[in-house]
Structures are given as C-alpha cells and as structure tokens.
Amino acid sequence: MARTNTGDLATGVGISPSTMSYHLGRLAKLGLVRHEGIDYVLSEPGRVARLLYAYRPPADLIEGFLDLWEDFAL
C-alpha cells in the first residue's frame, strides 16, 4: 500500500506543507485517506478511482497524481 507524508506530497505537487496538510485533513474527514503515524494512506483506492473517473479531470492530471503517489510507495 502506497504511503507518503505531508512534506513529500507538498514538494511533489509544488504547494506549501500547510496547504497540503489542510487538504489531506479534508480528505481524511471524507474517509479517502487515513493518517498512520507521519504518513497518509489511501483508505479506499477503488473509491478514489471512481471519484476521479466521475469527475473526469484531464488525463495528465490523473496520471500525474498516480505517478506521484506511486513514487512515494514503500
């Protein structure tokens, strides 16, 4: 299961750690990610995939998200 921390995600996306922390907190409240120690883990990868499919963001955005998350896999 891919795990990453706030700082690594923020650096990869190009935003401040505090902004990333805010958004990860919102995703956690929705049950899409969960906090494990200093790391975050996708709680329901299938649900995230369905949401991305339903929202239909540009393909390069989806690929970038998936590449970034996989880069942080342990």
C-alpha atoms as a PDB file:
ATOM      1  CA  MET A   1       0.000   0.000   0.000  1.00  0.00           C
ATOM      2  CA  ALA A   2       1.421   3.382  -1.005  1.00  0.00           C
ATOM      3  CA  ARG A   3       2.239   5.675   1.900  1.00  0.00           C
ATOM      4  CA  THR A   4       3.544   9.204   1.904  1.00  0.00           C
ATOM      5  CA  ASN A   5       3.894  12.143   4.257  1.00  0.00           C
ATOM      6  CA  THR A   6       2.667  15.700   4.011  1.00  0.00           C
ATOM      7  CA  GLY A   7       6.062  17.215   3.232  1.00  0.00           C
ATOM      8  CA  ASP A   8       6.865  14.812   0.399  1.00  0.00           C
ATOM      9  CA  LEU A   9       3.434  15.277  -1.173  1.00  0.00           C
ATOM     10  CA  ALA A  10       3.655  19.063  -0.858  1.00  0.00           C
ATOM     11  CA  THR A  11       7.076  19.107  -2.501  1.00  0.00           C
ATOM     12  CA  GLY A  12       5.899  16.812  -5.299  1.00  0.00           C
ATOM     13  CA  VAL A  13       2.828  18.920  -6.020  1.00  0.00           C
ATOM     14  CA  GLY A  14       4.570  22.258  -5.526  1.00  0.00           C
ATOM     15  CA  ILE A  15       2.492  23.683  -2.661  1.00  0.00           C
ATOM     16  CA  SER A  16       3.293  24.554   0.937  1.00  0.00           C
ATOM     17  CA  PRO A  17       3.197  21.787   3.556  1.00  0.00           C
ATOM     18  CA  SER A  18       0.496  23.688   5.478  1.00  0.00           C
ATOM     19  CA  THR A  19      -1.731  23.813   2.378  1.00  0.00           C
ATOM     20  CA  MET A  20      -1.168  20.100   1.773  1.00  0.00           C
ATOM     21  CA  SER A  21      -1.936  19.346   5.409  1.00  0.00           C
ATOM     22  CA  TYR A  22      -5.216  21.251   5.139  1.00  0.00           C
ATOM     23  CA  HIS A  23      -6.310  19.330   2.058  1.00  0.00           C
ATOM     24  CA  LEU A  24      -5.206  15.955   3.440  1.00  0.00           C
ATOM     25  CA  GLY A  25      -7.202  16.721   6.573  1.00  0.00           C
ATOM     26  CA  ARG A  26     -10.288  17.329   4.459  1.00  0.00           C
ATOM     27  CA  LEU A  27      -9.697  14.081   2.546  1.00  0.00           C
ATOM     28  CA  ALA A  28      -9.295  12.252   5.859  1.00  0.00           C
ATOM     29  CA  LYS A  29     -12.639  13.613   7.107  1.00  0.00           C
ATOM     30  CA  LEU A  30     -14.219  12.226   3.924  1.00  0.00           C
ATOM     31  CA  GLY A  31     -12.598   8.856   4.591  1.00  0.00           C
ATOM     32  CA  LEU A  32     -10.499   8.905   1.418  1.00  0.00           C
ATOM     33  CA  VAL A  33      -7.148   8.870   3.228  1.00  0.00           C
ATOM     34  CA  ARG A  34      -6.095   7.904   6.708  1.00  0.00           C
ATOM     35  CA  HIS A  35      -3.233   9.107   8.838  1.00  0.00           C
ATOM     36  CA  GLU A  36      -0.778   6.442  10.026  1.00  0.00           C
ATOM     37  CA  GLY A  37       1.980   7.978  12.110  1.00  0.00           C
ATOM     38  CA  ILE A  38       3.529  10.654   9.897  1.00  0.00           C
ATOM     39  CA  ASP A  39       2.241   9.049   6.709  1.00  0.00           C
ATOM     40  CA  TYR A  40      -1.004   9.138   4.792  1.00  0.00           C
ATOM     41  CA  VAL A  41      -2.510   6.105   3.087  1.00  0.00           C
ATOM     42  CA  LEU A  42      -5.384   5.907   0.608  1.00  0.00           C
ATOM     43  CA  SER A  43      -8.224   4.331   2.592  1.00  0.00           C
ATOM     44  CA  GLU A  44     -10.274   3.220  -0.373  1.00  0.00           C
ATOM     45  CA  PRO A  45      -8.250   3.235  -3.607  1.00  0.00           C
ATOM     46  CA  GLY A  46     -11.250   1.937  -5.569  1.00  0.00           C
ATOM     47  CA  ARG A  47     -13.438   4.785  -4.306  1.00  0.00           C
ATOM     48  CA  VAL A  48     -10.757   7.323  -5.233  1.00  0.00           C
ATOM     49  CA  ALA A  49     -10.530   5.803  -8.706  1.00  0.00           C
ATOM     50  CA  ARG A  50     -14.327   6.014  -9.121  1.00  0.00           C
ATOM     51  CA  LEU A  51     -14.348   9.649  -7.983  1.00  0.00           C
ATOM     52  CA  LEU A  52     -11.577  10.536 -10.410  1.00  0.00           C
ATOM     53  CA  TYR A  53     -13.431   8.761 -13.192  1.00  0.00           C
ATOM     54  CA  ALA A  54     -16.732  10.507 -12.346  1.00  0.00           C
ATOM     55  CA  TYR A  55     -15.067  13.921 -12.056  1.00  0.00           C
ATOM     56  CA  ARG A  56     -13.094  13.297 -15.250  1.00  0.00           C
ATOM     57  CA  PRO A  57     -10.164  15.627 -14.684  1.00  0.00           C
ATOM     58  CA  PRO A  58      -7.679  15.890 -17.564  1.00  0.00           C
ATOM     59  CA  ALA A  59      -5.797  12.627 -18.179  1.00  0.00           C
ATOM     60  CA  ASP A  60      -2.435  14.252 -17.491  1.00  0.00           C
ATOM     61  CA  LEU A  61      -3.674  15.352 -14.070  1.00  0.00           C
ATOM     62  CA  ILE A  62      -4.773  11.806 -13.200  1.00  0.00           C
ATOM     63  CA  GLU A  63      -1.526  10.340 -14.490  1.00  0.00           C
ATOM     64  CA  GLY A  64       0.447  12.914 -12.523  1.00  0.00           C
ATOM     65  CA  PHE A  65      -1.461  12.073  -9.337  1.00  0.00           C
ATOM     66  CA  LEU A  66      -0.946   8.338  -9.811  1.00  0.00           C
ATOM     67  CA  ASP A  67       2.734   8.752 -10.669  1.00  0.00           C
ATOM     68  CA  LEU A  68       3.303  10.971  -7.659  1.00  0.00           C
ATOM     69  CA  TRP A  69       1.537   8.594  -5.263  1.00  0.00           C
ATOM     70  CA  GLU A  70       3.438   5.576  -6.654  1.00  0.00           C
ATOM     71  CA  ASP A  71       6.741   7.448  -6.312  1.00  0.00           C
ATOM     72  CA  PHE A  72       6.171   7.528  -2.561  1.00  0.00           C
ATOM     73  CA  ALA A  73       5.272   3.829  -2.252  1.00  0.00           C
ATOM     74  CA  LEU A  74       7.404   1.962   0.224  1.00  0.00           C
END
